[in-house]
């Protein structure tokens, strides 16, 4: 079964993305890396630098590097689109 990357592709690496998570958080990120395995595994997801977040409690530090699984991503878009 192929991994559902939610439409995020290798060509998005190095770009700014606005990502909406299933938890309700909206983030603006700089995409660093996609981790895609042949079989869907818990390690499949994205690594990114966090530029902004909608979370008021700052659970994540702006400028920090984080990883999120593909299944947690609801939607994404390139800012300006």
C-alpha atoms as a PDB file:
ATOM      1  CA  UNK A   1       0.000   0.000   0.000  1.00  0.00           C
ATOM      2  CA  UNK A   2       1.588   3.326  -1.022  1.00  0.00           C
ATOM      3  CA  UNK A   3       2.107   6.083   1.517  1.00  0.00           C
ATOM      4  CA  UNK A   4      -0.448   8.915   1.445  1.00  0.00           C
ATOM      5  CA  UNK A   5       1.743  12.016   1.602  1.00  0.00           C
ATOM      6  CA  UNK A   6      -1.361  14.265   1.537  1.00  0.00           C
ATOM      7  CA  UNK A   7      -0.057  15.670  -1.764  1.00  0.00           C
ATOM      8  CA  UNK A   8       3.266  16.857  -0.395  1.00  0.00           C
ATOM      9  CA  UNK A   9       6.011  16.009  -2.875  1.00  0.00           C
ATOM     10  CA  UNK A  10       9.784  16.097  -3.054  1.00  0.00           C
ATOM     11  CA  UNK A  11       9.465  19.268  -5.167  1.00  0.00           C
ATOM     12  CA  UNK A  12       8.067  21.050  -2.066  1.00  0.00           C
ATOM     13  CA  UNK A  13      11.315  20.539  -0.117  1.00  0.00           C
ATOM     14  CA  UNK A  14      12.959  23.892   0.539  1.00  0.00           C
ATOM     15  CA  UNK A  15       9.673  25.794   0.207  1.00  0.00           C
ATOM     16  CA  UNK A  16       7.370  27.505   2.676  1.00  0.00           C
ATOM     17  CA  UNK A  17       4.101  25.671   3.273  1.00  0.00           C
ATOM     18  CA  UNK A  18       0.997  26.417   5.295  1.00  0.00           C
ATOM     19  CA  UNK A  19      -0.044  23.140   6.910  1.00  0.00           C
ATOM     20  CA  UNK A  20      -3.338  22.411   8.672  1.00  0.00           C
ATOM     21  CA  UNK A  21      -3.151  19.506  11.087  1.00  0.00           C
ATOM     22  CA  UNK A  22      -6.055  17.257  12.055  1.00  0.00           C
ATOM     23  CA  UNK A  23      -5.641  18.601  15.621  1.00  0.00           C
ATOM     24  CA  UNK A  24      -6.721  22.050  14.400  1.00  0.00           C
ATOM     25  CA  UNK A  25      -3.264  23.614  14.495  1.00  0.00           C
ATOM     26  CA  UNK A  26      -2.198  25.688  11.493  1.00  0.00           C
ATOM     27  CA  UNK A  27       1.521  26.096  10.907  1.00  0.00           C
ATOM     28  CA  UNK A  28       3.713  27.900   8.450  1.00  0.00           C
ATOM     29  CA  UNK A  29       6.833  25.849   7.877  1.00  0.00           C
ATOM     30  CA  UNK A  30       9.993  25.592   5.817  1.00  0.00           C
ATOM     31  CA  UNK A  31       9.931  21.991   4.563  1.00  0.00           C
ATOM     32  CA  UNK A  32      13.284  20.254   5.054  1.00  0.00           C
ATOM     33  CA  UNK A  33      12.652  16.596   4.237  1.00  0.00           C
ATOM     34  CA  UNK A  34      10.060  13.960   3.383  1.00  0.00           C
ATOM     35  CA  UNK A  35      10.425  10.504   4.878  1.00  0.00           C
ATOM     36  CA  UNK A  36       8.592   8.019   2.662  1.00  0.00           C
ATOM     37  CA  UNK A  37       8.934   4.259   3.107  1.00  0.00           C
ATOM     38  CA  UNK A  38       7.757   1.548   0.721  1.00  0.00           C
ATOM     39  CA  UNK A  39       5.261   0.270   3.288  1.00  0.00           C
ATOM     40  CA  UNK A  40       3.431   2.820   5.440  1.00  0.00           C
ATOM     41  CA  UNK A  41       5.258   2.932   8.735  1.00  0.00           C
ATOM     42  CA  UNK A  42       5.088   5.225  11.724  1.00  0.00           C
ATOM     43  CA  UNK A  43       8.274   6.949  10.512  1.00  0.00           C
ATOM     44  CA  UNK A  44       6.647   8.352   7.336  1.00  0.00           C
ATOM     45  CA  UNK A  45       6.220  12.118   7.529  1.00  0.00           C
ATOM     46  CA  UNK A  46       7.845  15.525   7.132  1.00  0.00           C
ATOM     47  CA  UNK A  47      10.711  17.294   8.871  1.00  0.00           C
ATOM     48  CA  UNK A  48      10.461  21.078   8.959  1.00  0.00           C
ATOM     49  CA  UNK A  49      11.514  24.325  10.595  1.00  0.00           C
ATOM     50  CA  UNK A  50       8.549  25.986  12.305  1.00  0.00           C
ATOM     51  CA  UNK A  51       8.005  29.580  11.146  1.00  0.00           C
ATOM     52  CA  UNK A  52       4.650  30.220  12.872  1.00  0.00           C
ATOM     53  CA  UNK A  53       1.858  28.312  14.599  1.00  0.00           C
ATOM     54  CA  UNK A  54      -1.732  28.982  15.604  1.00  0.00           C
ATOM     55  CA  UNK A  55      -1.163  27.369  19.011  1.00  0.00           C
ATOM     56  CA  UNK A  56      -1.482  30.009  21.725  1.00  0.00           C
ATOM     57  CA  UNK A  57       0.506  28.045  24.322  1.00  0.00           C
ATOM     58  CA  UNK A  58       3.619  27.794  22.147  1.00  0.00           C
ATOM     59  CA  UNK A  59       3.960  24.035  22.608  1.00  0.00           C
ATOM     60  CA  UNK A  60       6.447  24.255  19.752  1.00  0.00           C
ATOM     61  CA  UNK A  61       9.227  26.824  19.612  1.00  0.00           C
ATOM     62  CA  UNK A  62       9.314  29.141  16.584  1.00  0.00           C
ATOM     63  CA  UNK A  63      12.518  28.380  14.682  1.00  0.00           C
ATOM     64  CA  UNK A  64      12.669  24.833  16.050  1.00  0.00           C
ATOM     65  CA  UNK A  65      12.945  21.761  13.848  1.00  0.00           C
ATOM     66  CA  UNK A  66      10.118  19.219  14.134  1.00  0.00           C
ATOM     67  CA  UNK A  67       8.702  16.081  12.560  1.00  0.00           C
ATOM     68  CA  UNK A  68       5.020  15.343  11.829  1.00  0.00           C
ATOM     69  CA  UNK A  69       3.502  12.130  10.463  1.00  0.00           C
ATOM     70  CA  UNK A  70       1.628  12.332   7.159  1.00  0.00           C
ATOM     71  CA  UNK A  71      -1.563  11.003   8.788  1.00  0.00           C
ATOM     72  CA  UNK A  72      -1.643  14.105  11.064  1.00  0.00           C
ATOM     73  CA  UNK A  73      -1.755  16.477   8.049  1.00  0.00           C
ATOM     74  CA  UNK A  74      -5.269  17.507   6.999  1.00  0.00           C
ATOM     75  CA  UNK A  75      -4.337  19.931   4.197  1.00  0.00           C
ATOM     76  CA  UNK A  76      -1.475  22.099   3.016  1.00  0.00           C
ATOM     77  CA  UNK A  77      -0.924  24.940   0.603  1.00  0.00           C
ATOM     78  CA  UNK A  78       1.875  27.094  -0.697  1.00  0.00           C
ATOM     79  CA  UNK A  79       1.416  30.630   0.711  1.00  0.00           C
ATOM     80  CA  UNK A  80       0.079  32.929  -1.993  1.00  0.00           C
ATOM     81  CA  UNK A  81      -1.871  30.181  -3.781  1.00  0.00           C
END
